[in-house]
Amino acid sequence: MFNWLFGKKKTTPVLSKVDYWKAFELFALFDDLDRVKAVLEHTDDIRIDFIAFKDWFTEELGELEGANNPDFSRVREWFAPNADWDRLMGRQGFELGRSVFKRADWWKRNQEFLPGLLFG
């Protein structure tokens, strides 16, 4: 009875928010997104679809940076193979686009399991 009342409960390890972000490469994903922003800002392209993408991306990045629980669905769609980023940047942005997609896809596919790691 004593152990039942005062005994320690076995708990599963819970990740801190920093460990959680490291485990799912969110710091690296935001670094990649900042690199994308820099590439877009330094690319002289006057195509309407490029300018629209640049505006949408900048707005989305601002929302993601301010979100408590970011949703990378749109980023994942933009950077999927042969999607908007590839059509606009071609070979020039291939490696960066793959890196963004890989991390955003990993986050999106595992998002339903993540709260359990953070909150126990």
C-alpha atoms as a PDB file:
ATOM      1  CA  MET A   1       0.000   0.000   0.000  1.00  0.00           C
ATOM      2  CA  PHE A   2       2.843   2.375   0.867  1.00  0.00           C
ATOM      3  CA  ASN A   3       4.490   1.832  -2.523  1.00  0.00           C
ATOM      4  CA  TRP A   4       1.180   2.320  -4.280  1.00  0.00           C
ATOM      5  CA  LEU A   5       0.695   5.726  -2.603  1.00  0.00           C
ATOM      6  CA  PHE A   6       4.244   7.001  -2.499  1.00  0.00           C
ATOM      7  CA  GLY A   7       6.154   4.904  -4.980  1.00  0.00           C
ATOM      8  CA  LYS A   8       7.631   6.495  -8.037  1.00  0.00           C
ATOM      9  CA  LYS A   9       5.751   6.007 -11.238  1.00  0.00           C
ATOM     10  CA  LYS A  10       7.739   4.851 -14.182  1.00  0.00           C
ATOM     11  CA  THR A  11       7.512   7.488 -16.872  1.00  0.00           C
ATOM     12  CA  THR A  12       8.619   7.461 -20.440  1.00  0.00           C
ATOM     13  CA  PRO A  13      11.380   9.917 -21.323  1.00  0.00           C
ATOM     14  CA  VAL A  14      10.050  13.185 -22.675  1.00  0.00           C
ATOM     15  CA  LEU A  15      12.037  15.406 -25.002  1.00  0.00           C
ATOM     16  CA  SER A  16      12.568  19.043 -24.158  1.00  0.00           C
ATOM     17  CA  LYS A  17      11.439  21.469 -26.844  1.00  0.00           C
ATOM     18  CA  VAL A  18      15.055  22.044 -27.911  1.00  0.00           C
ATOM     19  CA  ASP A  19      15.751  18.287 -28.122  1.00  0.00           C
ATOM     20  CA  TYR A  20      12.484  17.832 -29.984  1.00  0.00           C
ATOM     21  CA  TRP A  21      13.474  20.494 -32.542  1.00  0.00           C
ATOM     22  CA  LYS A  22      16.927  18.935 -32.912  1.00  0.00           C
ATOM     23  CA  ALA A  23      15.514  15.432 -33.351  1.00  0.00           C
ATOM     24  CA  PHE A  24      13.265  16.512 -36.184  1.00  0.00           C
ATOM     25  CA  GLU A  25      15.813  18.900 -37.729  1.00  0.00           C
ATOM     26  CA  LEU A  26      13.614  21.963 -37.323  1.00  0.00           C
ATOM     27  CA  PHE A  27      16.566  24.266 -36.686  1.00  0.00           C
ATOM     28  CA  ALA A  28      18.137  22.971 -39.904  1.00  0.00           C
ATOM     29  CA  LEU A  29      14.830  23.337 -41.767  1.00  0.00           C
ATOM     30  CA  PHE A  30      14.524  26.978 -40.725  1.00  0.00           C
ATOM     31  CA  ASP A  31      18.168  27.532 -41.728  1.00  0.00           C
ATOM     32  CA  ASP A  32      17.348  26.090 -45.162  1.00  0.00           C
ATOM     33  CA  LEU A  33      14.248  28.286 -45.425  1.00  0.00           C
ATOM     34  CA  ASP A  34      16.363  31.336 -44.609  1.00  0.00           C
ATOM     35  CA  ARG A  35      18.760  30.289 -47.383  1.00  0.00           C
ATOM     36  CA  VAL A  36      15.799  29.997 -49.766  1.00  0.00           C
ATOM     37  CA  LYS A  37      14.703  33.494 -48.802  1.00  0.00           C
ATOM     38  CA  ALA A  38      18.212  34.820 -49.499  1.00  0.00           C
ATOM     39  CA  VAL A  39      18.306  33.079 -52.899  1.00  0.00           C
ATOM     40  CA  LEU A  40      14.916  34.529 -53.803  1.00  0.00           C
ATOM     41  CA  GLU A  41      15.981  38.017 -52.751  1.00  0.00           C
ATOM     42  CA  HIS A  42      19.162  37.850 -54.834  1.00  0.00           C
ATOM     43  CA  THR A  43      17.579  36.381 -57.952  1.00  0.00           C
ATOM     44  CA  ASP A  44      16.686  38.905 -60.628  1.00  0.00           C
ATOM     45  CA  ASP A  45      13.652  37.328 -62.232  1.00  0.00           C
ATOM     46  CA  ILE A  46      10.675  39.316 -63.420  1.00  0.00           C
ATOM     47  CA  ARG A  47       8.387  36.418 -64.302  1.00  0.00           C
ATOM     48  CA  ILE A  48       4.998  36.805 -62.655  1.00  0.00           C
ATOM     49  CA  ASP A  49       5.061  33.262 -61.251  1.00  0.00           C
ATOM     50  CA  PHE A  50       8.493  33.877 -59.692  1.00  0.00           C
ATOM     51  CA  ILE A  51       7.376  37.142 -58.054  1.00  0.00           C
ATOM     52  CA  ALA A  52       4.177  35.486 -56.791  1.00  0.00           C
ATOM     53  CA  PHE A  53       6.142  32.543 -55.349  1.00  0.00           C
ATOM     54  CA  LYS A  54       8.593  34.904 -53.683  1.00  0.00           C
ATOM     55  CA  ASP A  55       5.736  36.847 -52.047  1.00  0.00           C
ATOM     56  CA  TRP A  56       3.913  33.688 -50.932  1.00  0.00           C
ATOM     57  CA  PHE A  57       7.112  32.179 -49.580  1.00  0.00           C
ATOM     58  CA  THR A  58       8.057  35.312 -47.630  1.00  0.00           C
ATOM     59  CA  GLU A  59       4.583  35.508 -46.088  1.00  0.00           C
ATOM     60  CA  GLU A  60       4.557  31.799 -45.211  1.00  0.00           C
ATOM     61  CA  LEU A  61       8.033  31.972 -43.661  1.00  0.00           C
ATOM     62  CA  GLY A  62       6.922  34.847 -41.437  1.00  0.00           C
ATOM     63  CA  GLU A  63       3.923  32.827 -40.272  1.00  0.00           C
ATOM     64  CA  LEU A  64       6.031  29.713 -39.649  1.00  0.00           C
ATOM     65  CA  GLU A  65       8.601  31.629 -37.611  1.00  0.00           C
ATOM     66  CA  GLY A  66       5.863  33.034 -35.382  1.00  0.00           C
ATOM     67  CA  ALA A  67       3.926  29.781 -34.973  1.00  0.00           C
ATOM     68  CA  ASN A  68       4.068  27.735 -31.794  1.00  0.00           C
ATOM     69  CA  ASN A  69       3.377  24.548 -33.751  1.00  0.00           C
ATOM     70  CA  PRO A  70       4.448  25.228 -37.353  1.00  0.00           C
ATOM     71  CA  ASP A  71       2.661  23.485 -40.206  1.00  0.00           C
ATOM     72  CA  PHE A  72       4.986  22.830 -43.123  1.00  0.00           C
ATOM     73  CA  SER A  73       2.314  21.510 -45.510  1.00  0.00           C
ATOM     74  CA  ARG A  74       2.627  24.346 -47.989  1.00  0.00           C
ATOM     75  CA  VAL A  75       6.433  24.297 -47.859  1.00  0.00           C
ATOM     76  CA  ARG A  76       6.366  20.551 -48.470  1.00  0.00           C
ATOM     77  CA  GLU A  77       4.141  21.063 -51.545  1.00  0.00           C
ATOM     78  CA  TRP A  78       6.321  23.866 -52.960  1.00  0.00           C
ATOM     79  CA  PHE A  79       9.574  21.932 -52.582  1.00  0.00           C
ATOM     80  CA  ALA A  80       8.372  18.477 -53.630  1.00  0.00           C
ATOM     81  CA  PRO A  81      10.260  17.080 -56.629  1.00  0.00           C
ATOM     82  CA  ASN A  82       9.165  18.787 -59.857  1.00  0.00           C
ATOM     83  CA  ALA A  83       6.954  21.255 -57.973  1.00  0.00           C
ATOM     84  CA  ASP A  84       7.092  25.070 -57.831  1.00  0.00           C
ATOM     85  CA  TRP A  85      10.673  25.445 -56.562  1.00  0.00           C
ATOM     86  CA  ASP A  86      12.102  23.113 -59.208  1.00  0.00           C
ATOM     87  CA  ARG A  87      10.137  24.795 -62.003  1.00  0.00           C
ATOM     88  CA  LEU A  88      11.288  28.258 -60.935  1.00  0.00           C
ATOM     89  CA  MET A  89      14.909  27.597 -59.972  1.00  0.00           C
ATOM     90  CA  GLY A  90      15.875  24.611 -62.122  1.00  0.00           C
ATOM     91  CA  ARG A  91      19.280  23.034 -61.486  1.00  0.00           C
ATOM     92  CA  GLN A  92      20.447  26.116 -59.586  1.00  0.00           C
ATOM     93  CA  GLY A  93      18.236  25.334 -56.593  1.00  0.00           C
ATOM     94  CA  PHE A  94      18.178  21.550 -56.786  1.00  0.00           C
ATOM     95  CA  GLU A  95      20.217  20.684 -53.667  1.00  0.00           C
ATOM     96  CA  LEU A  96      18.589  23.317 -51.483  1.00  0.00           C
ATOM     97  CA  GLY A  97      15.133  22.264 -52.658  1.00  0.00           C
ATOM     98  CA  ARG A  98      15.831  18.606 -51.842  1.00  0.00           C
ATOM     99  CA  SER A  99      17.072  19.524 -48.379  1.00  0.00           C
ATOM    100  CA  VAL A 100      13.970  21.602 -47.622  1.00  0.00           C
ATOM    101  CA  PHE A 101      11.628  18.926 -48.950  1.00  0.00           C
ATOM    102  CA  LYS A 102      13.351  16.108 -47.042  1.00  0.00           C
ATOM    103  CA  ARG A 103      13.068  17.932 -43.723  1.00  0.00           C
ATOM    104  CA  ALA A 104       9.540  19.289 -44.274  1.00  0.00           C
ATOM    105  CA  ASP A 105       8.367  15.864 -45.420  1.00  0.00           C
ATOM    106  CA  TRP A 106       9.942  14.161 -42.383  1.00  0.00           C
ATOM    107  CA  TRP A 107       8.202  16.628 -40.068  1.00  0.00           C
ATOM    108  CA  LYS A 108       4.845  16.290 -41.831  1.00  0.00           C
ATOM    109  CA  ARG A 109       4.866  12.497 -41.974  1.00  0.00           C
ATOM    110  CA  ASN A 110       5.773  12.166 -38.289  1.00  0.00           C
ATOM    111  CA  GLN A 111       3.713  15.038 -36.904  1.00  0.00           C
ATOM    112  CA  GLU A 112       1.001  12.802 -35.455  1.00  0.00           C
ATOM    113  CA  PHE A 113       3.595  10.979 -33.320  1.00  0.00           C
ATOM    114  CA  LEU A 114       5.489  14.057 -32.161  1.00  0.00           C
ATOM    115  CA  PRO A 115       3.232  15.335 -29.337  1.00  0.00           C
ATOM    116  CA  GLY A 116       3.754  12.080 -27.446  1.00  0.00           C
ATOM    117  CA  LEU A 117       7.498  12.595 -27.536  1.00  0.00           C
ATOM    118  CA  LEU A 118       7.199  16.118 -26.221  1.00  0.00           C
ATOM    119  CA  PHE A 119       4.418  15.766 -23.690  1.00  0.00           C
ATOM    120  CA  GLY A 120       4.761  12.146 -22.606  1.00  0.00           C
END
